[in-house]
Protein backbone atom coordinates (compact mmCIF):
# COMPACT_ATOMS: atom_id res chain seq x y z
CA MET A 1 7.40 -11.36 -21.08
CA THR A 2 10.33 -10.26 -23.23
CA VAL A 3 12.45 -7.44 -21.87
CA GLY A 4 14.83 -5.73 -24.30
CA ILE A 5 18.24 -5.04 -22.77
CA THR A 6 21.04 -3.49 -24.80
CA ILE A 7 24.60 -3.78 -23.54
CA LEU A 8 26.35 -0.49 -24.22
CA ASP A 9 29.71 -1.18 -22.66
CA ARG A 10 31.77 -4.36 -23.09
CA PRO A 11 35.04 -3.78 -21.24
CA ALA A 12 38.08 -5.43 -22.81
CA GLY A 13 40.17 -5.56 -19.65
CA HIS A 14 39.68 -6.60 -16.06
CA ASP A 15 39.89 -3.15 -14.49
CA ASP A 16 36.42 -1.84 -15.32
CA GLN A 17 33.97 -2.38 -12.46
CA THR A 18 30.79 -1.23 -14.18
CA LEU A 19 28.63 -2.36 -17.06
CA THR A 20 26.32 0.07 -18.87
CA ILE A 21 23.01 -1.22 -20.22
CA ARG A 22 19.89 0.31 -21.73
CA ILE A 23 16.35 -0.79 -20.88
CA GLY A 24 13.79 1.10 -22.96
CA ASP A 25 14.89 4.73 -22.97
CA ALA A 26 16.81 4.54 -19.69
CA GLU A 27 20.50 3.81 -19.24
CA HIS A 28 21.79 2.10 -16.10
CA GLN A 29 25.26 1.43 -14.75
CA LEU A 30 25.62 -1.89 -12.96
CA HIS A 31 28.54 -2.41 -10.59
CA ALA A 32 30.39 -5.74 -10.58
CA VAL A 33 29.95 -6.19 -6.82
CA TRP A 34 26.21 -5.54 -7.13
CA LEU A 35 25.95 -7.99 -10.03
CA ARG A 36 27.75 -10.67 -8.00
CA ASP A 37 25.36 -10.05 -5.11
CA ALA A 38 22.28 -10.16 -7.39
CA CYS A 39 23.20 -13.43 -9.08
CA VAL A 40 20.46 -16.08 -9.09
CA CYS A 41 22.47 -19.09 -10.26
CA ALA A 42 22.15 -22.33 -8.30
CA ALA A 43 25.46 -21.64 -6.51
CA CYS A 44 24.16 -18.29 -5.21
CA ARG A 45 20.48 -19.03 -4.56
CA ASN A 46 18.76 -22.22 -3.50
CA PRO A 47 16.58 -23.06 -6.55
CA ALA A 48 13.83 -24.54 -4.35
CA THR A 49 13.52 -21.77 -1.78
CA ASN A 50 15.38 -18.77 -3.29
CA GLU A 51 17.40 -18.57 -0.09
CA ARG A 52 20.72 -16.78 -0.38
CA LEU A 53 23.81 -18.99 -0.36
CA VAL A 54 26.40 -16.20 -0.64
CA ASP A 55 27.33 -13.84 2.20
CA SER A 56 27.00 -10.33 0.75
CA ALA A 57 29.52 -8.97 3.23
CA GLN A 58 32.22 -11.34 1.92
CA ILE A 59 32.04 -10.40 -1.78
CA PRO A 60 35.44 -9.00 -2.92
CA LEU A 61 35.23 -5.25 -3.48
CA ASP A 62 37.77 -5.24 -6.33
CA LEU A 63 35.61 -7.29 -8.73
CA GLY A 64 35.57 -6.21 -12.36
CA VAL A 65 33.46 -6.97 -15.44
CA VAL A 66 35.06 -9.14 -18.14
CA ALA A 67 32.21 -9.74 -20.61
CA ALA A 68 28.42 -9.68 -20.79
CA ASN A 69 25.59 -10.94 -22.97
CA VAL A 70 21.84 -11.44 -22.90
CA GLU A 71 20.62 -15.00 -23.39
CA GLN A 72 17.23 -16.67 -22.88
CA GLY A 73 15.78 -13.89 -20.77
CA HIS A 74 18.86 -13.51 -18.57
CA LEU A 75 21.72 -11.04 -18.38
CA ARG A 76 24.95 -13.02 -17.96
CA VAL A 77 28.05 -11.14 -16.80
CA GLU A 78 31.46 -12.77 -16.48
CA LEU A 79 33.37 -11.30 -13.53
CA THR A 80 37.06 -11.16 -12.70
CA ASP A 81 36.75 -13.80 -9.96
CA GLY A 82 35.68 -16.32 -12.61
CA HIS A 83 32.00 -16.29 -11.60
CA THR A 84 29.27 -15.58 -14.16
CA ALA A 85 26.56 -13.50 -12.53
CA ILE A 86 23.06 -14.24 -13.84
CA CYS A 87 20.08 -11.87 -13.50
CA GLU A 88 16.58 -12.35 -14.93
CA THR A 89 15.86 -9.48 -17.30
CA VAL A 90 12.24 -9.12 -16.12
CA TRP A 91 13.39 -8.73 -12.52
CA LEU A 92 16.21 -6.41 -13.54
CA ARG A 93 13.86 -4.02 -15.34
CA ARG A 94 11.47 -3.91 -12.39
CA HIS A 95 14.22 -3.46 -9.81
CA LEU A 96 16.05 -0.71 -11.70
CA ALA A 97 12.78 1.12 -12.38
CA ASP A 98 12.10 1.15 -8.64
CA VAL A 99 15.54 2.64 -7.99
CA GLY A 100 14.61 5.60 -10.17
CA GLU A 101 11.24 6.28 -8.51
CA ALA A 102 12.54 7.93 -5.34
CA SER A 103 11.76 11.42 -6.66
CA ASP A 104 8.07 10.54 -7.11
CA PRO A 105 6.37 9.91 -3.75
CA ALA A 106 3.28 8.47 -5.48
CA ALA A 107 5.19 6.15 -7.84
CA GLY A 108 3.15 3.12 -8.91
CA ARG A 109 -0.16 4.62 -7.80
CA LEU A 110 -3.01 6.08 -9.85
CA LEU A 111 -4.08 9.07 -7.80
CA TRP A 112 -7.71 10.09 -7.67
CA ASP A 113 -8.44 13.16 -9.76
CA GLY A 114 -10.58 15.27 -7.48
CA GLY A 115 -13.07 12.82 -6.01
CA GLY A 116 -11.77 10.04 -8.22
CA GLY A 117 -15.11 9.17 -9.80
CA ALA A 118 -16.84 5.85 -9.35
CA LEU A 119 -14.88 2.93 -7.91
CA SER A 120 -14.24 -0.15 -10.04
CA THR A 121 -16.69 -2.97 -9.33
CA PHE A 122 -16.09 -6.73 -9.61
CA ALA A 123 -18.52 -9.63 -9.28
CA ARG A 124 -17.63 -12.17 -6.60
CA THR A 125 -17.68 -14.95 -9.20
CA ASP A 126 -15.10 -13.05 -11.30
CA LEU A 127 -12.56 -13.42 -8.50
CA ASP A 128 -12.54 -17.21 -8.84
CA ASP A 129 -10.81 -16.79 -12.21
CA PRO A 130 -7.05 -16.01 -12.02
CA ALA A 131 -7.36 -13.15 -14.52
CA GLY A 132 -10.29 -11.63 -12.62
CA LEU A 133 -8.47 -12.00 -9.31
CA VAL A 134 -5.35 -10.29 -10.69
CA ALA A 135 -7.45 -7.43 -12.10
CA TRP A 136 -9.11 -6.91 -8.70
CA LEU A 137 -5.82 -6.99 -6.80
CA ASP A 138 -4.20 -4.65 -9.34
CA THR A 139 -7.05 -2.18 -8.91
CA ILE A 140 -6.67 -2.13 -5.13
CA THR A 141 -2.90 -1.75 -5.47
CA GLU A 142 -3.00 1.05 -8.02
CA ARG A 143 -6.23 2.87 -7.15
CA GLY A 144 -6.48 2.04 -3.47
CA ALA A 145 -10.04 0.65 -3.40
CA ALA A 146 -12.57 -1.53 -5.23
CA VAL A 147 -16.08 -2.92 -4.70
CA VAL A 148 -17.12 -6.58 -4.94
CA THR A 149 -20.76 -7.49 -5.52
CA GLY A 150 -22.60 -10.77 -5.00
CA VAL A 151 -20.93 -11.68 -1.68
CA ASP A 152 -22.94 -13.66 0.85
CA PRO A 153 -23.91 -10.93 3.37
CA SER A 154 -22.50 -12.72 6.40
CA ASP A 155 -19.29 -13.32 8.31
CA ASP A 156 -18.73 -16.42 6.17
CA GLY A 157 -19.07 -14.32 3.02
CA LEU A 158 -16.51 -11.85 4.36
CA ARG A 159 -14.07 -14.65 5.18
CA SER A 160 -14.52 -16.20 1.72
CA VAL A 161 -13.24 -13.00 0.10
CA ALA A 162 -10.45 -12.56 2.66
CA ARG A 163 -9.20 -16.09 1.90
CA LEU A 164 -8.58 -15.04 -1.70
CA ILE A 165 -5.81 -12.81 -0.33
CA GLY A 166 -4.45 -14.43 2.81
CA ASP A 167 -4.92 -14.86 6.53
CA ILE A 168 -7.01 -12.31 8.39
CA ARG A 169 -4.93 -10.17 10.73
CA ALA A 170 -6.33 -10.26 14.24
CA THR A 171 -6.24 -6.99 16.20
CA ASN A 172 -7.60 -5.68 19.49
CA TYR A 173 -11.01 -5.79 17.75
CA GLY A 174 -10.75 -9.53 17.13
CA VAL A 175 -10.41 -11.55 13.92
CA THR A 176 -13.59 -10.31 12.28
CA TRP A 177 -15.89 -7.68 13.73
CA ARG A 178 -19.34 -6.18 13.31
CA ILE A 179 -20.47 -2.57 13.22
CA GLU A 180 -24.15 -2.35 14.08
CA ALA A 181 -25.85 0.93 14.81
CA THR A 182 -27.93 1.28 17.96
CA ILE A 183 -30.09 4.04 19.41
CA GLU A 184 -28.00 3.84 22.61
CA PRO A 185 -24.43 3.87 21.21
CA VAL A 186 -21.32 3.39 23.32
CA SER A 187 -19.09 5.09 20.74
CA ALA A 188 -19.50 7.21 17.62
CA VAL A 189 -19.03 4.23 15.30
CA ASP A 190 -22.14 2.57 16.79
CA SER A 191 -24.23 5.71 16.46
CA GLU A 192 -26.28 7.23 13.65
CA ARG A 193 -23.88 10.15 13.30
CA GLY A 194 -21.68 10.76 10.33
CA LEU A 195 -17.98 10.00 10.74
CA LEU A 196 -15.08 12.10 9.48
CA VAL A 197 -12.80 10.19 7.14
CA HIS A 198 -9.98 8.50 9.01
CA THR A 199 -7.55 5.60 8.95
CA ASP A 200 -7.92 2.74 11.38
CA LEU A 201 -5.52 1.70 14.17
CA PRO A 202 -3.10 4.66 13.85
CA TYR A 203 -1.60 3.80 17.24
CA ARG A 204 0.06 0.66 15.86
CA ASP A 205 3.60 0.88 14.47
CA VAL A 206 2.33 -0.60 11.21
CA ALA A 207 -1.46 -0.64 10.99
CA PRO A 208 -3.11 -3.36 8.89
CA GLY A 209 -2.78 -2.28 5.27
CA LEU A 210 -6.02 -3.68 3.91
CA GLN A 211 -9.58 -3.45 5.20
CA LEU A 212 -12.65 -5.32 3.99
CA LEU A 213 -16.13 -3.98 4.80
CA LEU A 214 -19.17 -6.07 3.83
CA ALA A 215 -22.73 -4.78 4.04
CA GLY A 216 -24.84 -7.35 5.85
CA VAL A 217 -28.08 -5.48 6.53
CA VAL A 218 -28.78 -1.96 5.27
CA ASP A 219 -32.32 -0.81 6.01
CA VAL A 220 -31.76 2.90 6.61
CA ALA A 221 -31.64 6.13 4.65
CA GLY A 222 -28.10 7.50 4.41
CA GLY A 223 -25.01 5.89 5.87
CA ALA A 224 -22.96 5.91 2.64
CA SER A 225 -19.26 5.17 3.00
CA THR A 226 -17.06 8.19 2.26
CA LEU A 227 -13.54 7.73 0.88
CA VAL A 228 -10.60 10.08 0.31
CA ASP A 229 -7.28 9.28 -1.39
CA GLY A 230 -4.73 10.34 1.23
CA TYR A 231 -1.83 10.09 -1.21
CA ALA A 232 -3.59 12.43 -3.64
CA VAL A 233 -4.20 14.99 -0.89
CA ALA A 234 -0.57 14.71 0.21
CA GLU A 235 0.49 15.40 -3.38
CA GLN A 236 -1.73 18.49 -3.48
CA ILE A 237 0.14 19.84 -0.45
CA ARG A 238 3.58 18.80 -1.72
CA THR A 239 3.17 20.64 -5.00
CA ALA A 240 1.46 23.74 -3.53
CA ASP A 241 3.24 24.10 -0.18
CA PRO A 242 6.48 22.08 0.10
CA ALA A 243 7.31 23.56 3.52
CA ALA A 244 3.99 22.34 4.96
CA TRP A 245 4.52 18.93 3.35
CA ARG A 246 7.95 18.61 4.97
CA LEU A 247 6.49 19.36 8.40
CA LEU A 248 3.66 16.86 7.95
CA THR A 249 6.05 14.12 6.81
CA ALA A 250 8.67 14.76 9.51
CA THR A 251 6.75 15.72 12.66
CA GLU A 252 5.52 12.81 14.76
CA PHE A 253 2.20 12.88 16.59
CA SER A 254 1.39 10.71 19.58
CA TYR A 255 -1.48 8.22 19.44
CA PRO A 256 -2.47 7.10 22.94
CA PHE A 257 -5.06 4.32 23.01
CA VAL A 258 -5.82 3.12 26.54
CA ARG A 259 -8.67 0.80 27.38
CA ASP A 260 -9.33 -1.72 30.16
CA ASP A 261 -7.63 -4.55 28.29
CA VAL A 262 -5.16 -2.82 25.93
CA GLU A 263 -2.72 0.07 26.03
CA PHE A 264 -0.95 1.49 22.96
CA HIS A 265 1.21 4.58 22.68
CA GLY A 266 2.00 5.03 19.01
CA ARG A 267 3.92 7.88 17.41
CA ALA A 268 4.34 8.68 13.73
CA PRO A 269 3.93 11.54 11.21
CA LEU A 270 0.54 12.19 9.64
CA ILE A 271 2.10 11.47 6.23
CA GLY A 272 4.48 8.53 6.51
CA LEU A 273 7.17 7.94 3.89
CA ARG A 274 9.20 4.87 3.03
CA PRO A 275 13.02 5.10 3.09
CA ASP A 276 12.98 5.62 -0.69
CA GLY A 277 10.74 8.67 -0.33
CA THR A 278 7.48 7.11 -1.56
CA TYR A 279 4.26 7.35 0.42
CA PHE A 280 3.68 4.65 3.00
CA GLN A 281 1.17 5.14 5.78
CA ILE A 282 -1.29 8.00 6.15
CA ARG A 283 -2.60 8.47 9.69
CA ARG A 284 -5.69 10.51 10.37
CA ALA A 285 -7.83 9.93 13.45
CA PRO A 286 -8.95 13.22 15.00
CA ASP A 287 -10.49 11.50 18.01
CA LEU A 288 -7.38 9.40 18.76
CA ALA A 289 -4.47 11.74 17.96
CA GLY A 290 -2.45 13.07 20.87
CA SER A 291 0.04 15.91 20.96
CA PRO A 292 2.79 16.38 18.37
CA PHE A 293 6.48 16.14 19.21
CA VAL A 294 7.48 19.58 17.98
CA ASP A 295 9.78 22.43 18.96
CA ALA A 296 8.05 25.63 20.05
CA ALA A 297 9.60 27.48 17.13
CA ASP A 298 7.79 25.21 14.66
CA VAL A 299 4.38 25.06 16.36
CA ALA A 300 2.70 27.85 14.39
CA ASP A 301 3.91 26.51 11.05
CA LEU A 302 2.93 22.95 11.97
CA TYR A 303 -0.60 23.91 12.95
CA ARG A 304 -1.00 25.97 9.78
CA ALA A 305 0.08 22.88 7.82
CA LEU A 306 -2.32 20.75 9.87
CA ARG A 307 -5.19 23.10 9.06
CA ARG A 308 -4.38 22.92 5.35
CA TRP A 309 -4.20 19.11 5.52
CA THR A 310 -7.54 18.92 7.34
CA ASP A 311 -9.30 21.34 5.01
CA LEU A 312 -8.23 19.33 1.95
CA ILE A 313 -9.10 15.95 3.44
CA ASP A 314 -12.58 17.11 4.43
CA HIS A 315 -13.28 19.02 1.22
CA PRO A 316 -16.16 17.47 -0.77
CA ASP A 317 -14.16 17.71 -4.00
CA ASN A 318 -11.75 15.06 -2.70
CA GLU A 319 -14.46 12.65 -1.54
CA VAL A 320 -16.06 9.59 -3.10
CA GLN A 321 -19.30 8.19 -1.68
CA VAL A 322 -20.23 4.51 -1.92
CA ALA A 323 -23.68 3.43 -0.70
CA LEU A 324 -23.09 -0.27 -0.02
CA ARG A 325 -26.09 -2.57 -0.31
CA PRO A 326 -26.34 -6.03 1.28
CA GLY A 327 -23.83 -8.37 -0.35
CA GLU A 328 -21.54 -5.56 -1.51
CA LEU A 329 -18.00 -5.48 -0.16
CA LEU A 330 -15.58 -2.57 -0.12
CA ALA A 331 -11.86 -3.40 -0.08
CA PHE A 332 -9.46 -0.53 0.47
CA ASP A 333 -5.88 0.28 1.38
CA ASN A 334 -5.90 1.44 5.01
CA HIS A 335 -2.45 2.97 4.58
CA ARG A 336 -3.71 5.25 1.81
CA VAL A 337 -7.50 5.60 1.70
CA LEU A 338 -9.33 7.39 4.49
CA HIS A 339 -12.88 6.24 5.16
CA GLY A 340 -15.90 7.60 6.97
CA ARG A 341 -19.67 7.73 6.49
CA THR A 342 -22.61 10.05 6.08
CA PRO A 343 -25.25 10.23 8.86
CA PHE A 344 -28.34 8.06 8.78
CA ALA A 345 -31.55 7.51 10.72
CA LEU A 346 -32.55 4.17 12.23
CA GLY A 347 -36.11 5.27 12.84
CA SER A 348 -38.31 2.81 14.67
CA SER A 349 -37.24 -0.35 12.84
CA GLY A 350 -34.17 0.47 10.73
CA ARG A 351 -30.99 -1.58 10.90
CA ARG A 352 -27.44 -1.10 9.58
CA LEU A 353 -24.93 -3.92 10.02
CA LEU A 354 -21.47 -4.21 8.47
CA HIS A 355 -18.98 -7.06 8.76
CA GLY A 356 -15.29 -6.20 8.69
CA CYS A 357 -11.76 -7.53 8.92
CA TYR A 358 -8.15 -6.52 8.30
CA LEU A 359 -5.38 -8.11 6.26
CA ASP A 360 -1.75 -7.25 5.63
CA ILE A 361 -1.03 -5.44 2.38
CA GLU A 362 2.01 -7.68 1.84
CA ASP A 363 -0.34 -10.65 1.50
CA LEU A 364 -2.21 -8.83 -1.26
CA ARG A 365 1.04 -8.31 -3.18
CA SER A 366 2.02 -11.94 -2.63
CA ARG A 367 -1.35 -13.25 -3.79
CA ARG A 368 -1.22 -11.02 -6.85
CA ALA A 369 2.23 -12.32 -7.82
CA VAL A 370 1.17 -15.96 -7.39
CA ALA A 371 -2.13 -15.48 -9.27
CA ALA A 372 -0.32 -13.76 -12.13
CA ARG A 373 1.63 -16.94 -12.81
CA SER A 374 -1.64 -18.56 -13.95
CA THR A 375 -2.65 -15.79 -16.35
């Protein structure tokens, strides 16, 4: 990929510490110290491992820019200490674009418009091709969810898709797990009842970011998966009621999860943000949430905001329904997309069995980057 960079400022002396460049329509000022730190030459980064060879804390703070040019896809900047800092232009464009996205909490995501319409569907065989794999991973990254058809309706079939991304993340539910309805359920998930949309494992500091659900046996009426784009709902609140949005992003709730063999006591806001202000992890689990950590003066406003949040999440206009059939797999971002189901009836001989597992969202991004090298 060719990235056009225009150098707007070529300092003649050694006292100027910044270089001004243009990428597309945007201008950026690059500081000499930052350029020295970002250098990817063999003296600064191990070519085999990309490990840093320069101590960032020891870079002289009085560095200046002497000259700069763009050559063979790299920005080369001569600095006053005699070093030529080298940055790949493709990386530079991506990195500087990310710096400017802090004002947009949903940057890099395609939010669902209302219910979002039908989810994109991929054939399992398409994922064996690098281009098809990249398209699938891009869809999950940007849209939050996608369906795969033609998967063997078994635990082995589930694992075969998971391996396309990375190692399955084991949790207190095991490596892979099964959800099978019974007429004598122990919990709501094993029953015939509908489930409110929620995110899984909210009591963990960082819940698994990706969930795979594969339909193994579906011989019932009803039981469609329901999905809601949590980021899109958060944006509805941010634009309509900024005060409520601030409370929901700043006020932590407790998440006690105590069983015979595990005990978790998580705490986090309902709408989690990254340090740069973009959306990170949505948490919604009405049956698992504990009490909020809130001053008495803010309680009324917080619970008004909570009611607004709940009403939007549960509103049919924000919901997508996917009726998975045997061999169909739903992959979705557990940090963003809330999931539930409609009620169903087992009757005298009905059966509903799903296979599931979790993966880390970082592995999806890694796999996408590696696969893209082959396209």
